[in-house]
Amino acid sequence: MNKAPTTRDRLVHAMIHTLQHKGLHGAGLSEILAQAQAPKGVMYHHFPGGKNELAVAAIESTVSYLCYKMDQYVEREQGDAAAALRLWITRAMEGLYSSRFEQGCPLAAVALESTAADVELRQALAAGFAALRARVAAALLQIGHAPRRAEGLAALIISAYEGALLQSRVAQDTAPMEQTTETLLSLIRKE
């Protein structure tokens, strides 16, 4: 039986939604609280550091979900990293398309808007991107890529994924993601 989301969960999900649609600086606290159906005092109970602490939690939640989906796809495709990657990127493409190209990646939104003063945000992003690269590299190791090549390809894949997602969003066309996916798959397949 599924439990109802906690107030903390609702706040995190509201922040993720806001980051995907408006970015970090477009994230008004009142709007986030309204979407989460949470009073201001409760937010500071869960996130004493305010909006930035909530954004860190949103980053961590997003990374956790993306890693979970990659693991799920690798298992479903019986270790076939190329097939798992196709599913992973297709899921993002479908989300982008179904949102009429309004729903971007919350990680990219924060990364693009952060400054050197946003130490905690950048640390969370760095850890998150590292976790994503590690998941992809692990899948590539399973299909026989050498460790150094798997790490390099994983860095390329995450970079290309984020860049293609941004390009598709602004062009309102999934073609950049589709082209990037096919090119990446041709690089990682082991014959």
C-alpha atoms as a PDB file:
ATOM      1  CA  MET A   1       0.000   0.000   0.000  1.00  0.00           C
ATOM      2  CA  ASN A   2       1.412   3.394  -0.984  1.00  0.00           C
ATOM      3  CA  LYS A   3       1.698   5.995   1.741  1.00  0.00           C
ATOM      4  CA  ALA A   4       0.643   9.566   1.090  1.00  0.00           C
ATOM      5  CA  PRO A   5       3.636  11.813   0.456  1.00  0.00           C
ATOM      6  CA  THR A   6       4.930  13.608   3.516  1.00  0.00           C
ATOM      7  CA  THR A   7       5.036  17.389   3.692  1.00  0.00           C
ATOM      8  CA  ARG A   8       8.782  17.190   3.103  1.00  0.00           C
ATOM      9  CA  ASP A   9       8.228  15.044  -0.012  1.00  0.00           C
ATOM     10  CA  ARG A  10       5.599  17.465  -1.319  1.00  0.00           C
ATOM     11  CA  LEU A  11       8.000  20.375  -0.850  1.00  0.00           C
ATOM     12  CA  VAL A  12      10.799  18.557  -2.685  1.00  0.00           C
ATOM     13  CA  HIS A  13       8.501  17.575  -5.562  1.00  0.00           C
ATOM     14  CA  ALA A  14       7.152  21.124  -5.807  1.00  0.00           C
ATOM     15  CA  MET A  15      10.726  22.426  -5.995  1.00  0.00           C
ATOM     16  CA  ILE A  16      11.648  19.896  -8.694  1.00  0.00           C
ATOM     17  CA  HIS A  17       8.592  20.940 -10.706  1.00  0.00           C
ATOM     18  CA  THR A  18       9.458  24.607 -10.321  1.00  0.00           C
ATOM     19  CA  LEU A  19      13.107  24.034 -11.289  1.00  0.00           C
ATOM     20  CA  GLN A  20      12.009  22.114 -14.381  1.00  0.00           C
ATOM     21  CA  HIS A  21       9.675  24.876 -15.510  1.00  0.00           C
ATOM     22  CA  LYS A  22      11.110  28.134 -14.162  1.00  0.00           C
ATOM     23  CA  GLY A  23      14.629  27.486 -12.946  1.00  0.00           C
ATOM     24  CA  LEU A  24      16.112  28.374  -9.589  1.00  0.00           C
ATOM     25  CA  HIS A  25      15.655  32.128  -9.736  1.00  0.00           C
ATOM     26  CA  GLY A  26      12.133  31.802 -11.109  1.00  0.00           C
ATOM     27  CA  ALA A  27      11.214  29.677  -8.118  1.00  0.00           C
ATOM     28  CA  GLY A  28       9.046  31.851  -5.913  1.00  0.00           C
ATOM     29  CA  LEU A  29       8.746  30.530  -2.386  1.00  0.00           C
ATOM     30  CA  SER A  30       5.017  31.325  -2.200  1.00  0.00           C
ATOM     31  CA  GLU A  31       4.385  29.386  -5.397  1.00  0.00           C
ATOM     32  CA  ILE A  32       6.378  26.376  -4.163  1.00  0.00           C
ATOM     33  CA  LEU A  33       4.509  26.387  -0.857  1.00  0.00           C
ATOM     34  CA  ALA A  34       1.146  26.636  -2.612  1.00  0.00           C
ATOM     35  CA  GLN A  35       1.977  23.769  -4.930  1.00  0.00           C
ATOM     36  CA  ALA A  36       3.156  21.651  -1.991  1.00  0.00           C
ATOM     37  CA  GLN A  37       0.108  22.697   0.049  1.00  0.00           C
ATOM     38  CA  ALA A  38       2.419  23.574   2.910  1.00  0.00           C
ATOM     39  CA  PRO A  39       2.597  26.568   5.242  1.00  0.00           C
ATOM     40  CA  LYS A  40       5.779  28.602   5.379  1.00  0.00           C
ATOM     41  CA  GLY A  41       6.669  27.548   8.926  1.00  0.00           C
ATOM     42  CA  VAL A  42       6.603  23.874   7.963  1.00  0.00           C
ATOM     43  CA  MET A  43       9.037  24.507   5.138  1.00  0.00           C
ATOM     44  CA  TYR A  44      11.571  26.051   7.502  1.00  0.00           C
ATOM     45  CA  HIS A  45      11.033  23.147   9.885  1.00  0.00           C
ATOM     46  CA  HIS A  46      12.145  20.724   7.159  1.00  0.00           C
ATOM     47  CA  PHE A  47      14.581  23.070   5.402  1.00  0.00           C
ATOM     48  CA  PRO A  48      16.024  25.601   7.884  1.00  0.00           C
ATOM     49  CA  GLY A  49      18.357  26.847   5.144  1.00  0.00           C
ATOM     50  CA  GLY A  50      15.376  27.963   3.080  1.00  0.00           C
ATOM     51  CA  LYS A  51      15.094  27.797  -0.672  1.00  0.00           C
ATOM     52  CA  ASN A  52      18.709  26.749  -1.293  1.00  0.00           C
ATOM     53  CA  GLU A  53      18.469  23.837   1.127  1.00  0.00           C
ATOM     54  CA  LEU A  54      15.221  22.797  -0.550  1.00  0.00           C
ATOM     55  CA  ALA A  55      16.952  23.032  -3.943  1.00  0.00           C
ATOM     56  CA  VAL A  56      19.744  20.747  -2.678  1.00  0.00           C
ATOM     57  CA  ALA A  57      17.111  18.215  -1.591  1.00  0.00           C
ATOM     58  CA  ALA A  58      15.469  18.503  -5.027  1.00  0.00           C
ATOM     59  CA  ILE A  59      18.824  17.858  -6.720  1.00  0.00           C
ATOM     60  CA  GLU A  60      19.474  14.822  -4.532  1.00  0.00           C
ATOM     61  CA  SER A  61      15.975  13.471  -5.155  1.00  0.00           C
ATOM     62  CA  THR A  62      16.311  13.955  -8.914  1.00  0.00           C
ATOM     63  CA  VAL A  63      19.675  12.188  -9.007  1.00  0.00           C
ATOM     64  CA  SER A  64      18.324   9.339  -6.908  1.00  0.00           C
ATOM     65  CA  TYR A  65      15.407   8.915  -9.307  1.00  0.00           C
ATOM     66  CA  LEU A  66      17.608   9.078 -12.425  1.00  0.00           C
ATOM     67  CA  CYS A  67      19.998   6.482 -10.977  1.00  0.00           C
ATOM     68  CA  TYR A  68      17.051   4.274 -10.027  1.00  0.00           C
ATOM     69  CA  LYS A  69      15.661   4.494 -13.574  1.00  0.00           C
ATOM     70  CA  MET A  70      19.059   3.651 -15.094  1.00  0.00           C
ATOM     71  CA  ASP A  71      19.394   0.629 -12.785  1.00  0.00           C
ATOM     72  CA  GLN A  72      15.847  -0.429 -13.611  1.00  0.00           C
ATOM     73  CA  TYR A  73      16.481  -0.191 -17.370  1.00  0.00           C
ATOM     74  CA  VAL A  74      19.803  -2.048 -17.164  1.00  0.00           C
ATOM     75  CA  GLU A  75      18.097  -4.854 -15.256  1.00  0.00           C
ATOM     76  CA  ARG A  76      15.111  -4.903 -17.623  1.00  0.00           C
ATOM     77  CA  GLU A  77      17.401  -5.055 -20.653  1.00  0.00           C
ATOM     78  CA  GLN A  78      19.536  -7.772 -19.027  1.00  0.00           C
ATOM     79  CA  GLY A  79      22.682  -5.665 -18.899  1.00  0.00           C
ATOM     80  CA  ASP A  80      22.402  -4.245 -22.425  1.00  0.00           C
ATOM     81  CA  ALA A  81      23.739  -0.739 -21.756  1.00  0.00           C
ATOM     82  CA  ALA A  82      22.744   0.568 -25.195  1.00  0.00           C
ATOM     83  CA  ALA A  83      19.124  -0.559 -24.823  1.00  0.00           C
ATOM     84  CA  ALA A  84      18.998   0.791 -21.248  1.00  0.00           C
ATOM     85  CA  LEU A  85      20.427   4.131 -22.351  1.00  0.00           C
ATOM     86  CA  ARG A  86      17.875   4.369 -25.166  1.00  0.00           C
ATOM     87  CA  LEU A  87      15.045   3.835 -22.662  1.00  0.00           C
ATOM     88  CA  TRP A  88      16.570   6.337 -20.227  1.00  0.00           C
ATOM     89  CA  ILE A  89      16.853   9.083 -22.823  1.00  0.00           C
ATOM     90  CA  THR A  90      13.488   8.238 -24.392  1.00  0.00           C
ATOM     91  CA  ARG A  91      11.819   8.694 -20.994  1.00  0.00           C
ATOM     92  CA  ALA A  92      13.299  12.200 -20.796  1.00  0.00           C
ATOM     93  CA  MET A  93      12.310  12.946 -24.388  1.00  0.00           C
ATOM     94  CA  GLU A  94       8.729  11.868 -23.732  1.00  0.00           C
ATOM     95  CA  GLY A  95       8.573  14.067 -20.629  1.00  0.00           C
ATOM     96  CA  LEU A  96       9.869  17.014 -22.591  1.00  0.00           C
ATOM     97  CA  TYR A  97       7.427  16.440 -25.443  1.00  0.00           C
ATOM     98  CA  SER A  98       4.405  15.857 -23.183  1.00  0.00           C
ATOM     99  CA  SER A  99       5.156  19.115 -21.331  1.00  0.00           C
ATOM    100  CA  ARG A 100       5.156  20.973 -24.654  1.00  0.00           C
ATOM    101  CA  PHE A 101       8.886  21.527 -24.230  1.00  0.00           C
ATOM    102  CA  GLU A 102       8.461  23.403 -20.948  1.00  0.00           C
ATOM    103  CA  GLN A 103       9.849  20.758 -18.572  1.00  0.00           C
ATOM    104  CA  GLY A 104      13.629  20.870 -18.550  1.00  0.00           C
ATOM    105  CA  CYS A 105      16.158  19.104 -16.376  1.00  0.00           C
ATOM    106  CA  PRO A 106      16.199  20.486 -12.824  1.00  0.00           C
ATOM    107  CA  LEU A 107      19.935  19.739 -12.569  1.00  0.00           C
ATOM    108  CA  ALA A 108      20.729  21.792 -15.655  1.00  0.00           C
ATOM    109  CA  ALA A 109      18.500  24.634 -14.475  1.00  0.00           C
ATOM    110  CA  VAL A 110      20.361  24.940 -11.193  1.00  0.00           C
ATOM    111  CA  ALA A 111      23.782  24.420 -12.790  1.00  0.00           C
ATOM    112  CA  LEU A 112      23.200  27.200 -15.302  1.00  0.00           C
ATOM    113  CA  GLU A 113      21.960  29.657 -12.688  1.00  0.00           C
ATOM    114  CA  SER A 114      24.369  28.902  -9.854  1.00  0.00           C
ATOM    115  CA  THR A 115      27.261  31.171  -8.958  1.00  0.00           C
ATOM    116  CA  ALA A 116      30.492  30.605  -7.049  1.00  0.00           C
ATOM    117  CA  ALA A 117      28.639  31.692  -3.903  1.00  0.00           C
ATOM    118  CA  ASP A 118      26.233  28.743  -4.248  1.00  0.00           C
ATOM    119  CA  VAL A 119      28.666  26.289  -2.658  1.00  0.00           C
ATOM    120  CA  GLU A 120      26.105  23.769  -1.351  1.00  0.00           C
ATOM    121  CA  LEU A 121      24.175  23.748  -4.630  1.00  0.00           C
ATOM    122  CA  ARG A 122      27.312  23.192  -6.667  1.00  0.00           C
ATOM    123  CA  GLN A 123      28.505  20.461  -4.319  1.00  0.00           C
ATOM    124  CA  ALA A 124      25.155  18.672  -4.655  1.00  0.00           C
ATOM    125  CA  LEU A 125      25.280  19.031  -8.437  1.00  0.00           C
ATOM    126  CA  ALA A 126      28.872  17.791  -8.638  1.00  0.00           C
ATOM    127  CA  ALA A 127      28.001  14.762  -6.495  1.00  0.00           C
ATOM    128  CA  GLY A 128      24.869  14.166  -8.542  1.00  0.00           C
ATOM    129  CA  PHE A 129      26.574  14.294 -11.911  1.00  0.00           C
ATOM    130  CA  ALA A 130      29.334  12.045 -10.550  1.00  0.00           C
ATOM    131  CA  ALA A 131      26.705   9.511  -9.422  1.00  0.00           C
ATOM    132  CA  LEU A 132      25.055   9.559 -12.844  1.00  0.00           C
ATOM    133  CA  ARG A 133      28.397   9.083 -14.597  1.00  0.00           C
ATOM    134  CA  ALA A 134      29.199   6.194 -12.251  1.00  0.00           C
ATOM    135  CA  ARG A 135      25.869   4.473 -13.021  1.00  0.00           C
ATOM    136  CA  VAL A 136      26.401   4.778 -16.761  1.00  0.00           C
ATOM    137  CA  ALA A 137      30.044   3.662 -16.467  1.00  0.00           C
ATOM    138  CA  ALA A 138      28.961   0.599 -14.466  1.00  0.00           C
ATOM    139  CA  ALA A 139      26.546  -0.359 -17.246  1.00  0.00           C
ATOM    140  CA  LEU A 140      29.306   0.073 -19.826  1.00  0.00           C
ATOM    141  CA  LEU A 141      31.671  -2.098 -17.789  1.00  0.00           C
ATOM    142  CA  GLN A 142      29.036  -4.855 -17.845  1.00  0.00           C
ATOM    143  CA  ILE A 143      29.152  -4.977 -21.637  1.00  0.00           C
ATOM    144  CA  GLY A 144      32.930  -5.156 -21.775  1.00  0.00           C
ATOM    145  CA  HIS A 145      34.264  -1.616 -22.001  1.00  0.00           C
ATOM    146  CA  ALA A 146      37.583  -1.082 -20.225  1.00  0.00           C
ATOM    147  CA  PRO A 147      37.276   1.034 -17.050  1.00  0.00           C
ATOM    148  CA  ARG A 148      38.942   4.146 -18.446  1.00  0.00           C
ATOM    149  CA  ARG A 149      36.877   4.034 -21.643  1.00  0.00           C
ATOM    150  CA  ALA A 150      33.675   3.382 -19.675  1.00  0.00           C
ATOM    151  CA  GLU A 151      34.354   6.449 -17.513  1.00  0.00           C
ATOM    152  CA  GLY A 152      35.106   8.619 -20.550  1.00  0.00           C
ATOM    153  CA  LEU A 153      32.032   7.439 -22.412  1.00  0.00           C
ATOM    154  CA  ALA A 154      29.898   7.988 -19.317  1.00  0.00           C
ATOM    155  CA  ALA A 155      31.118  11.588 -19.061  1.00  0.00           C
ATOM    156  CA  LEU A 156      30.356  12.089 -22.753  1.00  0.00           C
ATOM    157  CA  ILE A 157      26.906  10.518 -22.426  1.00  0.00           C
ATOM    158  CA  ILE A 158      25.843  12.668 -19.469  1.00  0.00           C
ATOM    159  CA  SER A 159      27.187  15.811 -21.142  1.00  0.00           C
ATOM    160  CA  ALA A 160      25.519  14.993 -24.454  1.00  0.00           C
ATOM    161  CA  TYR A 161      22.244  14.077 -22.725  1.00  0.00           C
ATOM    162  CA  GLU A 162      22.089  17.408 -20.889  1.00  0.00           C
ATOM    163  CA  GLY A 163      23.108  19.390 -23.977  1.00  0.00           C
ATOM    164  CA  ALA A 164      20.641  17.618 -26.251  1.00  0.00           C
ATOM    165  CA  LEU A 165      17.858  18.120 -23.712  1.00  0.00           C
ATOM    166  CA  LEU A 166      18.584  21.865 -23.615  1.00  0.00           C
ATOM    167  CA  GLN A 167      18.721  22.089 -27.409  1.00  0.00           C
ATOM    168  CA  SER A 168      15.481  20.150 -27.829  1.00  0.00           C
ATOM    169  CA  ARG A 169      13.740  22.313 -25.264  1.00  0.00           C
ATOM    170  CA  VAL A 170      14.616  25.619 -26.900  1.00  0.00           C
ATOM    171  CA  ALA A 171      13.984  24.304 -30.431  1.00  0.00           C
ATOM    172  CA  GLN A 172      10.710  22.677 -29.308  1.00  0.00           C
ATOM    173  CA  ASP A 173      11.771  19.616 -31.256  1.00  0.00           C
ATOM    174  CA  THR A 174      13.099  16.256 -30.081  1.00  0.00           C
ATOM    175  CA  ALA A 175      15.412  15.943 -33.106  1.00  0.00           C
ATOM    176  CA  PRO A 176      18.568  16.994 -31.195  1.00  0.00           C
ATOM    177  CA  MET A 177      17.887  14.328 -28.557  1.00  0.00           C
ATOM    178  CA  GLU A 178      17.107  11.690 -31.170  1.00  0.00           C
ATOM    179  CA  GLN A 179      20.281  12.439 -33.155  1.00  0.00           C
ATOM    180  CA  THR A 180      22.406  12.523 -30.008  1.00  0.00           C
ATOM    181  CA  THR A 181      20.949   9.226 -28.814  1.00  0.00           C
ATOM    182  CA  GLU A 182      21.713   7.427 -32.072  1.00  0.00           C
ATOM    183  CA  THR A 183      25.263   8.780 -32.144  1.00  0.00           C
ATOM    184  CA  LEU A 184      25.906   7.808 -28.518  1.00  0.00           C
ATOM    185  CA  LEU A 185      24.509   4.327 -29.058  1.00  0.00           C
ATOM    186  CA  SER A 186      26.812   3.783 -32.030  1.00  0.00           C
ATOM    187  CA  LEU A 187      29.785   4.662 -29.785  1.00  0.00           C
ATOM    188  CA  ILE A 188      28.938   2.336 -26.933  1.00  0.00           C
ATOM    189  CA  ARG A 189      27.755  -0.814 -28.651  1.00  0.00           C
ATOM    190  CA  LYS A 190      30.171  -3.687 -28.270  1.00  0.00           C
ATOM    191  CA  GLU A 191      30.182  -5.922 -31.354  1.00  0.00           C
END
